[in-house]
Amino acid sequence: MTTVVTDNCIRCRFTDCVVVCPVDCFHFDDEMLYIDPEVCIDCNACIAECPVEAIYEQADLPADKRAWIAINAERAPGLPICSEKWDPLPGAEERKAELGF
């Protein structure tokens, strides 16, 4: 099992989760973060840190978010690593409000 970043991260890319990660499993693109399942040690430290509840333990993923398992596995390895806290994307606070957080 691994932890999985889902669509709530799109247009936010808060990096609070990255700071608590003991391994470099987070990767990023212009819209969001992804977790490399080959690097993730399933510590789950990142889940509670996400302000938009975008990260789940794979076993706890809602049925409508199961596609994100494959998306993370495919995308993460080819993207740059994110290992430090950055400012969220422009408009992230508005997106957070849209999501109800």
N, C-alpha and C. Protein backbone atom coordinates (compact mmCIF):
# COMPACT_ATOMS: atom_id res chain seq x y z
N MET A 1 0.84 -1.18 0.00
CA MET A 1 0.00 0.00 0.00
C MET A 1 0.88 1.25 0.00
N THR A 2 0.26 2.34 -0.35
CA THR A 2 0.96 3.62 -0.39
C THR A 2 -0.06 4.72 -0.11
N THR A 3 0.43 5.92 0.00
CA THR A 3 -0.47 7.06 0.07
C THR A 3 -0.60 7.64 -1.33
N VAL A 4 -1.73 8.30 -1.59
CA VAL A 4 -2.08 8.73 -2.94
C VAL A 4 -2.58 10.17 -2.90
N VAL A 5 -2.06 11.01 -3.79
CA VAL A 5 -2.55 12.38 -3.94
C VAL A 5 -3.69 12.35 -4.96
N THR A 6 -4.77 13.05 -4.64
CA THR A 6 -5.95 13.05 -5.51
C THR A 6 -6.24 14.44 -6.06
N ASP A 7 -7.35 14.56 -6.75
CA ASP A 7 -7.70 15.77 -7.48
C ASP A 7 -7.92 17.01 -6.62
N ASN A 8 -8.09 16.89 -5.33
CA ASN A 8 -8.21 18.10 -4.50
C ASN A 8 -6.92 18.92 -4.53
N CYS A 9 -5.83 18.32 -4.91
CA CYS A 9 -4.55 19.04 -4.99
C CYS A 9 -4.45 19.93 -6.24
N ILE A 10 -5.26 19.62 -7.24
CA ILE A 10 -5.20 20.38 -8.50
C ILE A 10 -5.47 21.86 -8.23
N ARG A 11 -4.59 22.70 -8.76
CA ARG A 11 -4.65 24.16 -8.65
C ARG A 11 -4.39 24.67 -7.24
N CYS A 12 -3.92 23.80 -6.35
CA CYS A 12 -3.57 24.21 -4.98
C CYS A 12 -2.06 24.06 -4.78
N ARG A 13 -1.63 22.82 -4.80
CA ARG A 13 -0.24 22.43 -4.56
C ARG A 13 0.31 23.02 -3.26
N PHE A 14 -0.48 22.86 -2.18
CA PHE A 14 0.06 23.16 -0.86
C PHE A 14 1.14 22.14 -0.57
N THR A 15 2.21 22.54 0.06
CA THR A 15 3.33 21.62 0.28
C THR A 15 3.57 21.32 1.76
N ASP A 16 2.58 21.53 2.59
CA ASP A 16 2.69 21.20 4.01
C ASP A 16 3.04 19.72 4.18
N CYS A 17 2.51 18.88 3.30
CA CYS A 17 2.72 17.44 3.34
C CYS A 17 4.18 17.06 3.11
N VAL A 18 4.83 17.80 2.26
CA VAL A 18 6.21 17.50 1.88
C VAL A 18 7.16 17.65 3.05
N VAL A 19 6.91 18.63 3.89
CA VAL A 19 7.79 18.93 5.02
C VAL A 19 7.87 17.77 6.01
N VAL A 20 6.79 17.04 6.20
CA VAL A 20 6.78 15.95 7.18
C VAL A 20 7.18 14.60 6.59
N CYS A 21 7.36 14.54 5.30
CA CYS A 21 7.70 13.29 4.63
C CYS A 21 9.16 12.91 4.93
N PRO A 22 9.41 11.70 5.46
CA PRO A 22 10.78 11.29 5.77
C PRO A 22 11.57 10.81 4.55
N VAL A 23 10.92 10.66 3.41
CA VAL A 23 11.58 10.24 2.18
C VAL A 23 11.17 11.20 1.07
N ASP A 24 11.91 11.23 0.00
CA ASP A 24 11.59 12.13 -1.12
C ASP A 24 10.65 11.45 -2.10
N CYS A 25 9.38 11.28 -1.69
CA CYS A 25 8.44 10.60 -2.57
C CYS A 25 7.51 11.55 -3.30
N PHE A 26 7.52 12.84 -2.94
CA PHE A 26 6.64 13.80 -3.60
C PHE A 26 7.30 14.38 -4.85
N HIS A 27 6.50 14.48 -5.91
CA HIS A 27 6.92 15.07 -7.18
C HIS A 27 5.87 16.10 -7.57
N PHE A 28 6.21 16.99 -8.48
CA PHE A 28 5.27 18.05 -8.83
C PHE A 28 5.26 18.36 -10.32
N ASP A 29 4.13 18.93 -10.75
CA ASP A 29 4.03 19.53 -12.07
C ASP A 29 3.42 20.92 -11.88
N ASP A 30 2.95 21.53 -12.94
CA ASP A 30 2.43 22.90 -12.85
C ASP A 30 1.13 23.00 -12.08
N GLU A 31 0.45 21.88 -11.83
CA GLU A 31 -0.86 21.91 -11.19
C GLU A 31 -0.95 21.29 -9.81
N MET A 32 -0.11 20.29 -9.53
CA MET A 32 -0.31 19.54 -8.29
C MET A 32 0.91 18.71 -7.91
N LEU A 33 0.79 18.00 -6.78
CA LEU A 33 1.81 17.06 -6.32
C LEU A 33 1.36 15.63 -6.62
N TYR A 34 2.33 14.72 -6.64
CA TYR A 34 2.08 13.29 -6.82
C TYR A 34 3.01 12.54 -5.87
N ILE A 35 2.64 11.34 -5.50
CA ILE A 35 3.49 10.49 -4.65
C ILE A 35 3.97 9.31 -5.48
N ASP A 36 5.28 9.08 -5.43
CA ASP A 36 5.85 7.91 -6.10
C ASP A 36 5.66 6.70 -5.19
N PRO A 37 4.85 5.73 -5.59
CA PRO A 37 4.59 4.58 -4.73
C PRO A 37 5.80 3.69 -4.50
N GLU A 38 6.81 3.81 -5.36
CA GLU A 38 8.03 3.01 -5.19
C GLU A 38 8.93 3.59 -4.10
N VAL A 39 8.72 4.85 -3.75
CA VAL A 39 9.55 5.52 -2.75
C VAL A 39 8.81 5.69 -1.42
N CYS A 40 7.51 5.88 -1.49
CA CYS A 40 6.69 6.09 -0.29
C CYS A 40 6.84 4.90 0.67
N ILE A 41 7.02 5.21 1.96
CA ILE A 41 7.17 4.16 2.96
C ILE A 41 5.88 3.97 3.76
N ASP A 42 4.81 4.58 3.32
CA ASP A 42 3.48 4.39 3.92
C ASP A 42 3.44 4.79 5.39
N CYS A 43 4.12 5.88 5.73
CA CYS A 43 4.10 6.35 7.11
C CYS A 43 2.84 7.15 7.42
N ASN A 44 2.19 7.65 6.37
CA ASN A 44 0.95 8.42 6.46
C ASN A 44 1.08 9.78 7.15
N ALA A 45 2.29 10.24 7.41
CA ALA A 45 2.49 11.53 8.08
C ALA A 45 1.90 12.68 7.26
N CYS A 46 1.89 12.55 5.96
CA CYS A 46 1.44 13.62 5.08
C CYS A 46 -0.07 13.82 5.07
N ILE A 47 -0.82 12.78 5.38
CA ILE A 47 -2.28 12.83 5.25
C ILE A 47 -2.88 13.95 6.09
N ALA A 48 -2.52 14.02 7.35
CA ALA A 48 -3.09 15.02 8.25
C ALA A 48 -2.63 16.44 7.93
N GLU A 49 -1.53 16.58 7.20
CA GLU A 49 -0.98 17.90 6.91
C GLU A 49 -1.64 18.59 5.72
N CYS A 50 -2.34 17.86 4.89
CA CYS A 50 -2.93 18.43 3.68
C CYS A 50 -4.16 19.27 4.04
N PRO A 51 -4.12 20.58 3.75
CA PRO A 51 -5.24 21.45 4.12
C PRO A 51 -6.48 21.28 3.25
N VAL A 52 -6.38 20.50 2.17
CA VAL A 52 -7.55 20.28 1.30
C VAL A 52 -7.92 18.79 1.22
N GLU A 53 -7.38 18.00 2.14
CA GLU A 53 -7.68 16.57 2.21
C GLU A 53 -7.53 15.86 0.86
N ALA A 54 -6.40 16.12 0.22
CA ALA A 54 -6.13 15.54 -1.09
C ALA A 54 -5.38 14.22 -1.01
N ILE A 55 -4.89 13.85 0.17
CA ILE A 55 -4.04 12.67 0.30
C ILE A 55 -4.76 11.60 1.12
N TYR A 56 -4.73 10.38 0.61
CA TYR A 56 -5.38 9.24 1.26
C TYR A 56 -4.43 8.06 1.34
N GLU A 57 -4.63 7.24 2.33
CA GLU A 57 -4.04 5.91 2.34
C GLU A 57 -4.76 5.15 1.23
N GLN A 58 -4.04 4.41 0.43
CA GLN A 58 -4.64 3.73 -0.72
C GLN A 58 -5.87 2.91 -0.34
N ALA A 59 -5.83 2.23 0.78
CA ALA A 59 -6.95 1.39 1.20
C ALA A 59 -8.19 2.21 1.56
N ASP A 60 -8.01 3.49 1.86
CA ASP A 60 -9.11 4.36 2.27
C ASP A 60 -9.64 5.25 1.14
N LEU A 61 -9.11 5.08 -0.06
CA LEU A 61 -9.55 5.91 -1.18
C LEU A 61 -11.02 5.68 -1.49
N PRO A 62 -11.79 6.77 -1.62
CA PRO A 62 -13.17 6.60 -2.08
C PRO A 62 -13.17 6.00 -3.50
N ALA A 63 -14.21 5.29 -3.83
CA ALA A 63 -14.29 4.61 -5.13
C ALA A 63 -14.09 5.56 -6.30
N ASP A 64 -14.59 6.79 -6.19
CA ASP A 64 -14.48 7.73 -7.30
C ASP A 64 -13.08 8.34 -7.44
N LYS A 65 -12.16 7.98 -6.55
CA LYS A 65 -10.79 8.50 -6.62
C LYS A 65 -9.76 7.40 -6.86
N ARG A 66 -10.20 6.19 -7.11
CA ARG A 66 -9.28 5.06 -7.28
C ARG A 66 -8.36 5.22 -8.49
N ALA A 67 -8.78 5.96 -9.50
CA ALA A 67 -7.94 6.18 -10.68
C ALA A 67 -6.65 6.91 -10.33
N TRP A 68 -6.64 7.62 -9.21
CA TRP A 68 -5.45 8.37 -8.80
C TRP A 68 -4.29 7.47 -8.37
N ILE A 69 -4.55 6.22 -8.07
CA ILE A 69 -3.47 5.28 -7.77
C ILE A 69 -2.56 5.18 -8.99
N ALA A 70 -3.15 4.91 -10.13
CA ALA A 70 -2.39 4.76 -11.38
C ALA A 70 -1.80 6.09 -11.83
N ILE A 71 -2.55 7.17 -11.66
CA ILE A 71 -2.06 8.49 -12.09
C ILE A 71 -0.78 8.84 -11.32
N ASN A 72 -0.78 8.66 -10.00
CA ASN A 72 0.42 8.94 -9.21
C ASN A 72 1.58 8.05 -9.65
N ALA A 73 1.31 6.75 -9.82
CA ALA A 73 2.35 5.80 -10.20
C ALA A 73 2.96 6.12 -11.56
N GLU A 74 2.14 6.60 -12.48
CA GLU A 74 2.62 6.92 -13.83
C GLU A 74 3.34 8.26 -13.88
N ARG A 75 2.79 9.27 -13.23
CA ARG A 75 3.32 10.62 -13.34
C ARG A 75 4.54 10.89 -12.47
N ALA A 76 4.48 10.49 -11.20
CA ALA A 76 5.52 10.86 -10.23
C ALA A 76 6.95 10.57 -10.68
N PRO A 77 7.27 9.37 -11.13
CA PRO A 77 8.67 9.07 -11.44
C PRO A 77 9.31 9.97 -12.50
N GLY A 78 8.52 10.53 -13.38
CA GLY A 78 9.07 11.36 -14.45
C GLY A 78 9.10 12.85 -14.15
N LEU A 79 8.69 13.22 -12.94
CA LEU A 79 8.61 14.63 -12.57
C LEU A 79 9.67 14.98 -11.53
N PRO A 80 9.99 16.27 -11.39
CA PRO A 80 10.96 16.68 -10.36
C PRO A 80 10.46 16.40 -8.95
N ILE A 81 11.39 16.18 -8.05
CA ILE A 81 11.09 15.94 -6.64
C ILE A 81 10.80 17.27 -5.94
N CYS A 82 9.83 17.24 -5.06
CA CYS A 82 9.54 18.38 -4.18
C CYS A 82 9.89 17.94 -2.77
N SER A 83 10.87 18.57 -2.15
CA SER A 83 11.30 18.15 -0.82
C SER A 83 11.33 19.29 0.19
N GLU A 84 10.76 20.43 -0.17
CA GLU A 84 10.71 21.55 0.77
C GLU A 84 9.41 22.32 0.57
N LYS A 85 9.06 23.11 1.58
CA LYS A 85 7.82 23.88 1.53
C LYS A 85 7.95 25.04 0.56
N TRP A 86 6.95 25.17 -0.29
CA TRP A 86 6.86 26.27 -1.25
C TRP A 86 5.56 27.02 -1.00
N ASP A 87 5.47 28.19 -1.58
CA ASP A 87 4.18 28.89 -1.58
C ASP A 87 3.21 28.09 -2.43
N PRO A 88 1.93 28.07 -2.02
CA PRO A 88 0.94 27.38 -2.87
C PRO A 88 0.77 28.11 -4.19
N LEU A 89 0.12 27.47 -5.12
CA LEU A 89 -0.12 28.09 -6.42
C LEU A 89 -1.01 29.32 -6.28
N PRO A 90 -0.87 30.30 -7.20
CA PRO A 90 -1.79 31.44 -7.18
C PRO A 90 -3.23 30.92 -7.30
N GLY A 91 -4.10 31.46 -6.47
CA GLY A 91 -5.49 31.02 -6.49
C GLY A 91 -5.77 29.82 -5.60
N ALA A 92 -4.75 29.31 -4.91
CA ALA A 92 -4.93 28.11 -4.08
C ALA A 92 -5.91 28.34 -2.94
N GLU A 93 -5.88 29.49 -2.34
CA GLU A 93 -6.81 29.77 -1.24
C GLU A 93 -8.25 29.80 -1.74
N GLU A 94 -8.46 30.34 -2.93
CA GLU A 94 -9.80 30.34 -3.53
C GLU A 94 -10.25 28.91 -3.84
N ARG A 95 -9.34 28.11 -4.37
CA ARG A 95 -9.64 26.71 -4.66
C ARG A 95 -9.97 25.97 -3.37
N LYS A 96 -9.21 26.24 -2.32
CA LYS A 96 -9.45 25.63 -1.02
C LYS A 96 -10.87 25.96 -0.54
N ALA A 97 -11.27 27.21 -0.69
CA ALA A 97 -12.63 27.62 -0.31
C ALA A 97 -13.68 26.92 -1.17
N GLU A 98 -13.42 26.79 -2.46
CA GLU A 98 -14.35 26.08 -3.36
C GLU A 98 -14.55 24.64 -2.91
N LEU A 99 -13.49 24.04 -2.39
CA LEU A 99 -13.54 22.66 -1.93
C LEU A 99 -14.20 22.53 -0.56
N GLY A 100 -14.44 23.67 0.08
CA GLY A 100 -15.12 23.66 1.38
C GLY A 100 -14.20 23.57 2.58
N PHE A 101 -12.95 23.98 2.42
CA PHE A 101 -12.00 23.94 3.54
C PHE A 101 -11.60 25.34 3.94
